């Protein structure tokens, strides 16, 4: 993904992207890259805004109990 598409993706996150740029982004032939970048930036944004960490949803109690028993 090139810098222009990253800029459009960033503008979308800020609700500032114009329709033409969004169409260009959505027609990009490597949508997997676009989705991966969007997800990474959303995770970072969430962490910066004190959202729950992905690690908070991991339950290790069963594994710990098995090791202790």
N, C-alpha and C. Protein backbone atom coordinates (compact mmCIF):
# COMPACT_ATOMS: atom_id res chain seq x y z
N UNK A 1 0.85 -1.17 0.00
CA UNK A 1 0.00 0.00 0.00
C UNK A 1 0.90 1.24 0.00
N UNK A 2 0.60 2.17 -0.89
CA UNK A 2 1.44 3.36 -0.99
C UNK A 2 1.03 4.45 0.00
N UNK A 3 1.84 5.49 0.07
CA UNK A 3 1.61 6.56 1.03
C UNK A 3 0.28 7.28 0.80
N UNK A 4 -0.11 7.41 -0.45
CA UNK A 4 -1.37 8.10 -0.75
C UNK A 4 -2.56 7.33 -0.17
N UNK A 5 -2.53 6.01 -0.28
CA UNK A 5 -3.61 5.19 0.27
C UNK A 5 -3.59 5.21 1.80
N UNK A 6 -2.40 5.22 2.38
CA UNK A 6 -2.30 5.32 3.84
C UNK A 6 -2.88 6.65 4.33
N UNK A 7 -2.61 7.71 3.57
CA UNK A 7 -3.15 9.02 3.92
C UNK A 7 -4.68 9.02 3.86
N UNK A 8 -5.22 8.36 2.85
CA UNK A 8 -6.68 8.25 2.73
C UNK A 8 -7.25 7.45 3.89
N UNK A 9 -6.60 6.37 4.23
CA UNK A 9 -7.05 5.54 5.35
C UNK A 9 -7.02 6.35 6.65
N UNK A 10 -5.98 7.11 6.84
CA UNK A 10 -5.87 7.96 8.02
C UNK A 10 -6.99 9.01 8.03
N UNK A 11 -7.28 9.59 6.87
CA UNK A 11 -8.36 10.57 6.78
C UNK A 11 -9.71 9.92 7.08
N UNK A 12 -9.89 8.67 6.65
CA UNK A 12 -11.13 7.96 6.97
C UNK A 12 -11.29 7.78 8.47
N UNK A 13 -10.21 7.47 9.15
CA UNK A 13 -10.28 7.30 10.60
C UNK A 13 -10.70 8.58 11.30
N UNK A 14 -10.30 9.71 10.70
CA UNK A 14 -10.63 11.02 11.27
C UNK A 14 -11.92 11.59 10.69
N UNK A 15 -12.62 10.80 9.88
CA UNK A 15 -13.86 11.22 9.22
C UNK A 15 -13.64 12.46 8.36
N UNK A 16 -12.51 12.48 7.64
CA UNK A 16 -12.17 13.62 6.80
C UNK A 16 -11.87 13.24 5.35
N UNK A 17 -12.11 12.00 4.98
CA UNK A 17 -11.80 11.55 3.62
C UNK A 17 -12.89 11.96 2.65
N UNK A 18 -12.49 12.36 1.44
CA UNK A 18 -13.49 12.69 0.43
C UNK A 18 -13.91 11.42 -0.31
N UNK A 19 -15.03 11.50 -1.00
CA UNK A 19 -15.61 10.33 -1.63
C UNK A 19 -14.70 9.69 -2.68
N UNK A 20 -14.04 10.50 -3.47
CA UNK A 20 -13.16 9.97 -4.51
C UNK A 20 -12.00 9.17 -3.90
N UNK A 21 -11.41 9.71 -2.84
CA UNK A 21 -10.30 9.01 -2.18
C UNK A 21 -10.78 7.70 -1.57
N UNK A 22 -11.97 7.70 -0.99
CA UNK A 22 -12.51 6.47 -0.40
C UNK A 22 -12.76 5.43 -1.49
N UNK A 23 -13.31 5.86 -2.61
CA UNK A 23 -13.53 4.92 -3.72
C UNK A 23 -12.22 4.32 -4.21
N UNK A 24 -11.18 5.16 -4.30
CA UNK A 24 -9.87 4.68 -4.74
C UNK A 24 -9.33 3.64 -3.74
N UNK A 25 -9.49 3.92 -2.46
CA UNK A 25 -9.02 3.00 -1.43
C UNK A 25 -9.78 1.68 -1.49
N UNK A 26 -11.10 1.76 -1.66
CA UNK A 26 -11.92 0.55 -1.68
C UNK A 26 -11.73 -0.27 -2.95
N UNK A 27 -11.19 0.34 -4.00
CA UNK A 27 -10.95 -0.41 -5.23
C UNK A 27 -9.50 -0.91 -5.33
N UNK A 28 -8.72 -0.67 -4.29
CA UNK A 28 -7.33 -1.12 -4.27
C UNK A 28 -7.31 -2.65 -4.40
N UNK A 29 -6.41 -3.16 -5.22
CA UNK A 29 -6.40 -4.59 -5.51
C UNK A 29 -5.90 -5.47 -4.36
N UNK A 30 -5.32 -4.88 -3.34
CA UNK A 30 -4.83 -5.66 -2.19
C UNK A 30 -5.63 -5.27 -0.94
N UNK A 31 -6.90 -5.63 -0.91
CA UNK A 31 -7.77 -5.27 0.20
C UNK A 31 -7.30 -5.89 1.52
N UNK A 32 -6.58 -7.01 1.46
CA UNK A 32 -6.07 -7.60 2.68
C UNK A 32 -5.09 -6.66 3.37
N UNK A 33 -4.26 -5.96 2.60
CA UNK A 33 -3.32 -5.00 3.17
C UNK A 33 -4.07 -3.82 3.79
N UNK A 34 -5.10 -3.36 3.09
CA UNK A 34 -5.90 -2.24 3.59
C UNK A 34 -6.57 -2.62 4.91
N UNK A 35 -7.17 -3.79 4.94
CA UNK A 35 -7.86 -4.25 6.16
C UNK A 35 -6.88 -4.44 7.31
N UNK A 36 -5.73 -5.03 7.03
CA UNK A 36 -4.72 -5.24 8.08
C UNK A 36 -4.25 -3.90 8.65
N UNK A 37 -4.00 -2.93 7.79
CA UNK A 37 -3.56 -1.61 8.25
C UNK A 37 -4.65 -0.94 9.08
N UNK A 38 -5.89 -1.03 8.62
CA UNK A 38 -7.03 -0.44 9.35
C UNK A 38 -7.13 -1.06 10.75
N UNK A 39 -7.03 -2.37 10.82
CA UNK A 39 -7.14 -3.04 12.12
C UNK A 39 -6.01 -2.65 13.05
N UNK A 40 -4.78 -2.56 12.55
CA UNK A 40 -3.64 -2.15 13.39
C UNK A 40 -3.84 -0.74 13.92
N UNK A 41 -4.25 0.17 13.03
CA UNK A 41 -4.44 1.55 13.46
C UNK A 41 -5.60 1.68 14.45
N UNK A 42 -6.64 0.88 14.26
CA UNK A 42 -7.76 0.92 15.20
C UNK A 42 -7.34 0.39 16.58
N UNK A 43 -6.52 -0.63 16.60
CA UNK A 43 -6.02 -1.15 17.87
C UNK A 43 -5.17 -0.12 18.58
N UNK A 44 -4.29 0.54 17.85
CA UNK A 44 -3.45 1.58 18.44
C UNK A 44 -4.31 2.72 18.95
N UNK A 45 -5.28 3.13 18.13
CA UNK A 45 -6.17 4.22 18.53
C UNK A 45 -6.92 3.85 19.81
N UNK A 46 -7.41 2.62 19.87
CA UNK A 46 -8.12 2.16 21.05
C UNK A 46 -7.24 2.18 22.29
N UNK A 47 -6.01 1.73 22.15
CA UNK A 47 -5.08 1.74 23.28
C UNK A 47 -4.75 3.16 23.72
N UNK A 48 -4.63 4.05 22.76
CA UNK A 48 -4.31 5.44 23.08
C UNK A 48 -5.47 6.13 23.79
N UNK A 49 -6.68 5.66 23.53
CA UNK A 49 -7.86 6.25 24.16
C UNK A 49 -8.33 5.42 25.34
N UNK A 50 -7.41 4.68 25.90
CA UNK A 50 -7.66 3.87 27.10
C UNK A 50 -8.74 2.81 26.93
N UNK A 51 -8.84 2.29 25.74
CA UNK A 51 -9.76 1.17 25.52
C UNK A 51 -9.12 -0.08 26.11
N UNK A 52 -9.84 -1.14 26.11
CA UNK A 52 -9.32 -2.39 26.67
C UNK A 52 -8.21 -2.94 25.80
N UNK A 53 -7.21 -3.46 26.44
CA UNK A 53 -6.09 -4.08 25.74
C UNK A 53 -6.54 -5.45 25.23
N UNK A 54 -6.04 -5.88 24.07
CA UNK A 54 -6.38 -7.23 23.58
C UNK A 54 -5.98 -8.31 24.58
N UNK A 55 -4.95 -8.05 25.36
CA UNK A 55 -4.50 -9.04 26.34
C UNK A 55 -5.50 -9.19 27.49
N UNK A 56 -6.35 -8.21 27.72
CA UNK A 56 -7.32 -8.30 28.81
C UNK A 56 -8.36 -9.38 28.55
N UNK A 57 -8.57 -9.74 27.30
CA UNK A 57 -9.58 -10.74 26.98
C UNK A 57 -9.03 -12.17 27.03
N UNK A 58 -7.75 -12.31 27.33
CA UNK A 58 -7.12 -13.62 27.38
C UNK A 58 -7.27 -14.19 28.80
N UNK A 59 -7.80 -15.38 28.89
CA UNK A 59 -7.99 -16.03 30.18
C UNK A 59 -6.95 -17.14 30.33
N UNK A 60 -5.99 -16.93 31.21
CA UNK A 60 -4.92 -17.91 31.41
C UNK A 60 -5.13 -18.75 32.67
N UNK A 61 -6.26 -18.55 33.33
CA UNK A 61 -6.48 -19.23 34.60
C UNK A 61 -6.47 -20.75 34.48
N UNK A 62 -7.03 -21.30 33.42
CA UNK A 62 -7.06 -22.75 33.23
C UNK A 62 -5.65 -23.29 33.09
N UNK A 63 -4.83 -22.62 32.28
CA UNK A 63 -3.44 -23.06 32.08
C UNK A 63 -2.64 -22.98 33.37
N UNK A 64 -2.83 -21.93 34.11
CA UNK A 64 -2.12 -21.76 35.38
C UNK A 64 -2.54 -22.84 36.36
N UNK A 65 -3.85 -23.11 36.42
CA UNK A 65 -4.36 -24.15 37.32
C UNK A 65 -3.77 -25.51 36.98
N UNK A 66 -3.67 -25.83 35.69
CA UNK A 66 -3.11 -27.10 35.26
C UNK A 66 -1.64 -27.24 35.67
N UNK A 67 -0.88 -26.17 35.56
CA UNK A 67 0.53 -26.20 35.94
C UNK A 67 0.66 -26.36 37.44
N UNK A 68 -0.20 -25.72 38.21
CA UNK A 68 -0.12 -25.79 39.67
C UNK A 68 -0.58 -27.14 40.21
N UNK A 69 -1.46 -27.80 39.51
CA UNK A 69 -1.98 -29.11 40.00
C UNK A 69 -1.04 -30.20 39.73
